[in-house]
Protein backbone atom coordinates (compact mmCIF):
# COMPACT_ATOMS: atom_id res chain seq x y z
CA MET A 1 0.00 0.00 0.00
CA ALA A 2 2.85 2.39 0.78
CA ASP A 3 3.99 2.17 -2.87
CA LEU A 4 0.55 2.95 -4.35
CA PRO A 5 0.03 6.50 -5.66
CA VAL A 6 -2.46 8.52 -3.65
CA HIS A 7 -4.59 9.05 -6.78
CA THR A 8 -4.93 5.26 -7.19
CA ILE A 9 -5.92 4.75 -3.55
CA VAL A 10 -8.53 7.50 -3.71
CA PHE A 11 -10.13 6.90 -7.10
CA GLU A 12 -9.72 3.13 -7.49
CA ILE A 13 -10.19 1.94 -3.90
CA LEU A 14 -12.02 4.58 -1.86
CA THR A 15 -14.64 5.12 -4.57
CA ARG A 16 -15.77 1.57 -3.80
CA VAL A 17 -16.10 1.80 0.00
CA PRO A 18 -19.23 2.85 1.98
CA THR A 19 -19.92 6.54 2.47
CA LYS A 20 -19.20 6.49 6.21
CA ASP A 21 -15.73 5.07 5.54
CA VAL A 22 -15.12 7.84 3.01
CA GLY A 23 -16.00 10.36 5.71
CA ARG A 24 -13.51 8.79 8.12
CA SER A 25 -10.83 8.73 5.42
CA LYS A 26 -11.02 12.51 5.09
CA SER A 27 -9.26 12.72 8.45
CA VAL A 28 -6.11 10.94 7.20
CA CYS A 29 -4.42 14.08 5.82
CA LYS A 30 -5.13 17.35 4.03
CA GLN A 31 -4.38 15.83 0.62
CA TRP A 32 -6.93 13.05 1.12
CA TYR A 33 -9.49 15.53 2.42
CA ALA A 34 -9.08 17.68 -0.69
CA LEU A 35 -9.30 14.75 -3.12
CA LEU A 36 -12.27 13.14 -1.37
CA SER A 37 -14.13 16.46 -1.50
CA THR A 38 -13.84 16.94 -5.26
CA GLN A 39 -16.85 16.66 -7.57
CA ASP A 40 -14.98 14.00 -9.59
CA PHE A 41 -14.71 11.76 -6.54
CA VAL A 42 -18.37 12.30 -5.61
CA ARG A 43 -19.51 11.48 -9.15
CA ILE A 44 -17.45 8.26 -9.41
CA HIS A 45 -18.39 7.12 -5.89
CA CYS A 46 -22.09 7.65 -6.61
CA SER A 47 -21.94 5.78 -9.91
CA ARG A 48 -20.24 2.79 -8.27
CA SER A 49 -22.75 2.79 -5.41
CA LEU A 50 -25.76 2.39 -7.71
CA VAL A 51 -26.12 -1.37 -7.31
CA SER A 52 -29.02 -3.26 -5.77
CA SER A 53 -27.07 -4.31 -2.68
CA ASN A 54 -26.45 -0.64 -1.81
CA GLN A 55 -30.06 0.56 -2.11
CA ARG A 56 -31.66 1.88 1.09
CA VAL A 57 -35.01 3.29 2.14
CA LEU A 58 -35.34 6.10 4.68
CA LEU A 59 -38.37 6.04 6.98
CA ILE A 60 -39.38 9.00 9.14
CA ASP A 61 -42.08 8.80 11.82
CA ASP A 62 -43.05 11.04 14.73
CA LEU A 63 -40.06 10.17 16.89
CA THR A 64 -37.36 8.44 14.87
CA CYS A 65 -35.65 8.28 11.51
CA SER A 66 -34.29 4.95 10.30
CA VAL A 67 -32.54 3.52 7.25
CA HIS A 68 -33.32 0.00 6.01
CA PRO A 69 -31.60 -2.08 3.31
CA ILE A 70 -33.98 -3.31 0.61
CA ILE A 71 -34.26 -7.09 0.16
CA PHE A 72 -35.38 -7.33 -3.45
CA GLN A 73 -35.80 -11.14 -3.42
CA SER A 74 -38.57 -10.95 -0.80
CA ASN A 75 -39.78 -7.39 -1.46
CA ASP A 76 -39.03 -6.51 2.15
CA TYR A 77 -36.81 -4.32 4.32
CA GLY A 78 -33.80 -5.47 6.31
CA PRO A 79 -32.84 -4.50 9.88
CA SER A 80 -32.90 -0.78 10.54
CA SER A 81 -30.18 1.65 11.50
CA ILE A 82 -31.27 4.71 13.47
CA VAL A 83 -30.34 8.08 11.94
CA THR A 84 -29.75 10.98 14.30
CA PHE A 85 -31.13 14.37 13.34
CA THR A 86 -28.30 16.87 13.73
CA PHE A 87 -30.53 19.87 13.04
CA HIS A 88 -33.30 21.27 15.25
CA HIS A 89 -36.74 19.83 14.50
CA GLN A 90 -40.03 18.94 16.11
CA ASN A 91 -42.02 15.69 16.05
CA ASN A 92 -43.46 14.86 12.63
CA ASP A 93 -41.67 17.93 11.33
CA VAL A 94 -39.43 16.81 8.46
CA SER A 95 -40.84 16.34 4.94
CA ILE A 96 -38.70 14.91 2.13
CA LEU A 97 -39.25 16.94 -1.05
CA SER A 98 -36.56 15.60 -3.40
CA HIS A 99 -33.61 13.22 -3.36
CA LEU A 100 -30.58 12.38 -5.48
CA ASN A 101 -27.60 10.08 -4.86
CA GLY A 102 -28.31 9.88 -1.14
CA LEU A 103 -28.67 13.66 -0.73
CA LEU A 104 -32.10 14.93 0.38
CA CYS A 105 -33.84 18.27 0.10
CA VAL A 106 -36.17 18.49 3.09
CA CYS A 107 -38.55 21.00 4.62
CA LEU A 108 -38.97 21.75 8.34
CA ASN A 109 -42.74 22.01 8.56
CA HIS A 110 -42.89 24.32 11.58
CA THR A 111 -40.61 26.97 10.04
CA TYR A 112 -41.02 26.19 6.28
CA GLU A 113 -37.21 26.19 5.94
CA LEU A 114 -35.44 24.18 3.24
CA LEU A 115 -32.37 22.09 4.03
CA LEU A 116 -29.97 19.88 2.13
CA TRP A 117 -29.33 16.82 4.28
CA ASN A 118 -27.12 13.75 3.96
CA PRO A 119 -28.58 11.14 6.34
CA THR A 120 -25.49 8.92 6.01
CA THR A 121 -22.97 11.51 7.15
CA THR A 122 -25.63 13.57 9.07
CA ALA A 123 -24.23 16.75 7.43
CA PHE A 124 -26.80 19.41 6.53
CA LYS A 125 -27.04 22.87 5.02
CA HIS A 126 -29.74 25.50 5.62
CA LEU A 127 -30.94 26.95 2.29
CA SER A 128 -33.27 29.62 3.65
CA THR A 129 -32.05 33.23 3.57
CA PRO A 130 -33.22 36.50 5.17
CA ASP A 131 -34.60 37.70 1.81
CA SER A 132 -37.18 34.86 1.83
CA HIS A 133 -35.43 32.43 -0.50
CA GLY A 134 -35.79 28.80 0.51
CA PHE A 135 -39.09 28.88 2.44
CA TYR A 136 -41.41 26.13 1.16
CA ILE A 137 -45.23 26.19 1.25
CA ASN A 138 -46.93 22.84 0.66
CA ASN A 139 -49.44 22.67 -2.24
CA LEU A 140 -48.07 25.89 -3.71
CA ASP A 141 -44.36 25.38 -4.31
CA ALA A 142 -42.35 22.76 -6.19
CA ILE A 143 -38.80 21.54 -5.58
CA GLY A 144 -36.30 19.64 -7.72
CA LEU A 145 -32.82 18.43 -6.76
CA TYR A 146 -30.40 17.77 -9.62
CA VAL A 147 -26.78 17.75 -10.74
CA ASP A 148 -25.67 19.65 -13.86
CA ALA A 149 -22.96 18.96 -16.45
CA ASP A 150 -20.33 20.49 -14.14
CA ASP A 151 -21.30 18.06 -11.33
CA ASP A 152 -22.71 20.91 -9.26
CA TYR A 153 -25.64 19.84 -7.10
CA LYS A 154 -28.49 22.35 -7.42
CA VAL A 155 -32.03 22.94 -6.21
CA LEU A 156 -34.80 24.26 -8.48
CA TYR A 157 -37.38 26.16 -6.41
CA ILE A 158 -40.69 27.15 -8.03
CA LYS A 159 -42.46 29.59 -5.72
CA ARG A 160 -46.11 30.62 -6.16
CA ARG A 161 -47.56 33.40 -3.95
CA SER A 162 -50.92 35.07 -4.74
CA GLY A 163 -50.39 34.98 -8.49
CA VAL A 164 -46.78 36.09 -8.24
CA LEU A 165 -44.19 33.64 -9.50
CA GLY A 166 -40.55 33.26 -8.63
CA VAL A 167 -38.27 30.56 -10.03
CA TYR A 168 -34.89 30.22 -8.34
CA VAL A 169 -31.84 27.96 -8.54
CA TYR A 170 -29.57 27.25 -5.58
CA SER A 171 -26.00 26.13 -6.32
CA ARG A 172 -24.17 24.09 -3.69
CA GLU A 173 -20.82 25.00 -5.25
CA VAL A 174 -21.28 28.78 -4.94
CA ASP A 175 -23.75 28.60 -2.01
CA SER A 176 -26.22 31.16 -3.34
CA TRP A 177 -29.64 31.60 -4.99
CA ARG A 178 -30.39 33.30 -8.30
CA ASN A 179 -33.56 33.99 -10.25
CA ILE A 180 -34.25 32.42 -13.68
CA PRO A 181 -37.12 33.06 -16.15
CA PHE A 182 -40.11 30.73 -16.42
CA ILE A 183 -41.05 30.45 -20.09
CA THR A 184 -44.27 28.50 -20.50
CA ARG A 185 -47.99 29.17 -20.02
CA GLN A 186 -48.64 31.40 -17.03
CA GLU A 187 -51.88 29.61 -16.07
CA TYR A 188 -49.82 26.71 -14.70
CA LEU A 189 -48.74 29.07 -11.94
CA SER A 190 -52.30 29.35 -10.66
CA PRO A 191 -53.23 27.54 -7.39
CA HIS A 192 -55.79 25.63 -9.49
CA PHE A 193 -52.90 23.49 -10.75
CA ASN A 194 -51.09 20.96 -8.57
CA TRP A 195 -47.37 20.42 -9.18
CA SER A 196 -45.91 17.02 -8.34
CA ALA A 197 -42.58 16.26 -6.76
CA SER A 198 -39.81 16.30 -9.37
CA THR A 199 -38.23 13.33 -11.12
CA PHE A 200 -34.67 13.74 -12.43
CA CYS A 201 -33.90 11.74 -15.58
CA GLY A 202 -31.40 12.21 -18.39
CA GLY A 203 -30.38 15.77 -17.54
CA THR A 204 -33.98 16.95 -17.14
CA LEU A 205 -36.30 17.56 -14.21
CA TYR A 206 -39.90 16.48 -14.85
CA PHE A 207 -43.06 17.60 -13.02
CA THR A 208 -46.67 16.58 -13.58
CA VAL A 209 -48.94 19.63 -13.52
CA CYS A 210 -52.64 18.80 -13.14
CA GLU A 211 -55.71 21.00 -12.92
CA CYS A 212 -57.78 20.41 -9.77
CA TRP A 213 -61.03 19.24 -11.35
CA ILE A 214 -62.38 16.47 -13.58
CA GLY A 215 -61.61 17.06 -17.24
CA GLY A 216 -59.00 19.67 -16.44
CA THR A 217 -55.67 20.16 -18.18
CA ASN A 218 -52.84 17.72 -17.40
CA VAL A 219 -49.31 18.26 -18.71
CA VAL A 220 -45.69 17.42 -17.94
CA ILE A 221 -43.33 20.36 -17.43
CA CYS A 222 -39.66 19.69 -18.27
CA PHE A 223 -36.67 21.69 -17.05
CA ASP A 224 -33.38 21.15 -18.89
CA VAL A 225 -30.81 21.49 -16.11
CA ASN A 226 -27.99 22.64 -18.40
CA SER A 227 -29.78 25.15 -20.64
CA GLU A 228 -32.16 26.10 -17.78
CA GLN A 229 -35.07 26.18 -20.23
CA PHE A 230 -38.62 24.99 -19.53
CA LYS A 231 -40.86 23.22 -22.00
CA GLU A 232 -44.18 21.37 -21.96
CA ILE A 233 -44.98 17.87 -23.14
CA SER A 234 -48.41 16.25 -23.26
CA PHE A 235 -49.79 13.61 -20.91
CA PRO A 236 -50.23 10.09 -22.32
CA PRO A 237 -53.57 9.69 -24.16
CA VAL A 238 -55.60 8.58 -21.14
CA PRO A 239 -59.39 9.16 -20.71
CA SER A 240 -60.17 12.50 -19.04
CA THR A 241 -63.72 11.67 -17.93
CA GLY A 242 -62.65 10.96 -14.35
CA MET A 243 -59.80 11.79 -12.03
CA VAL A 244 -56.38 11.69 -13.69
CA GLN A 245 -53.09 11.31 -11.87
CA GLY A 246 -49.58 10.64 -13.14
CA VAL A 247 -46.66 9.39 -11.07
CA LEU A 248 -43.23 9.68 -12.71
CA VAL A 249 -40.33 7.30 -12.04
CA ASN A 250 -36.81 7.00 -13.41
CA VAL A 251 -35.92 3.39 -14.30
CA LYS A 252 -32.39 2.96 -15.66
CA ASN A 253 -32.39 6.55 -16.88
CA GLU A 254 -35.67 6.16 -18.77
CA LEU A 255 -38.76 8.12 -17.75
CA HIS A 256 -41.91 6.14 -16.97
CA MET A 257 -45.36 7.24 -15.83
CA PHE A 258 -47.97 5.31 -13.87
CA ALA A 259 -51.16 7.00 -15.13
CA SER A 260 -54.32 6.36 -13.09
CA THR A 261 -57.76 7.32 -14.39
CA GLY A 262 -61.35 6.84 -13.29
CA MET A 263 -63.76 7.79 -10.56
CA PHE A 264 -64.97 4.94 -8.33
CA GLU A 265 -62.86 2.31 -10.09
CA MET A 266 -59.35 3.37 -11.08
CA THR A 267 -57.37 2.04 -14.05
CA ILE A 268 -53.58 2.23 -13.92
CA ASP A 269 -51.43 2.09 -17.07
CA LEU A 270 -47.65 2.22 -17.40
CA TRP A 271 -46.22 4.52 -20.08
CA THR A 272 -42.63 5.14 -21.21
CA LEU A 273 -41.39 8.41 -22.68
CA GLN A 274 -39.80 7.86 -26.10
CA GLY A 275 -37.71 10.65 -27.57
CA ASP A 276 -38.56 14.16 -26.45
CA TYR A 277 -42.34 13.69 -26.56
């Protein structure tokens, strides 16, 4: 080991070890700390962690937060590990809004503050600022966590207040918010439309946007994370005579939608996005 170059140890060995061991390794020396903190290391470590045996589910109840391994053979959870909240919260206070590569964007329900939180390392970052950026209101706002082409983790924050819209992007690298334009139909900003949680797939954030009554408009809003442009694509051709709901999932970097329709009896179909539309 003494003859191995540091670069080989870091990028060929430590990119394959659990996250907690990476955190401990940062204490070895300043050089290791610097290399283990680079975006290149984070990207490689995340890509090598995306195997079934490493998948975990995080469960939050009134009093505790726990992480369970997923046993795919039996469709069950394994033994839990308790996660300690290192930020101030109250019972039943933490809502998960978006997640990516083990990093969570959460809201503290009693203060409406947004945080970035890594449950594995317990590190967190407050995103709320004195000028009212980063305060989330349920049923009005929408959040998306993503990583751009420069491996910078960012948060898209769509804020609706009494007909006034603000769209903001937070950058973890520069630790600041900035405003960006929203270029699509303004009616989607009305409280009559419900925005879903985001789904990140192929360099794009996707949201379902559904009008709050039977026969209303249902669309998918796409946000290209590199060009920072919005566009609209249509829902799958499902009947609109009853309630319509779409749930988006990313499966092997392909976007799928579970579309449910009906009134007293619901029909669920699985659709896959092909091409841009």
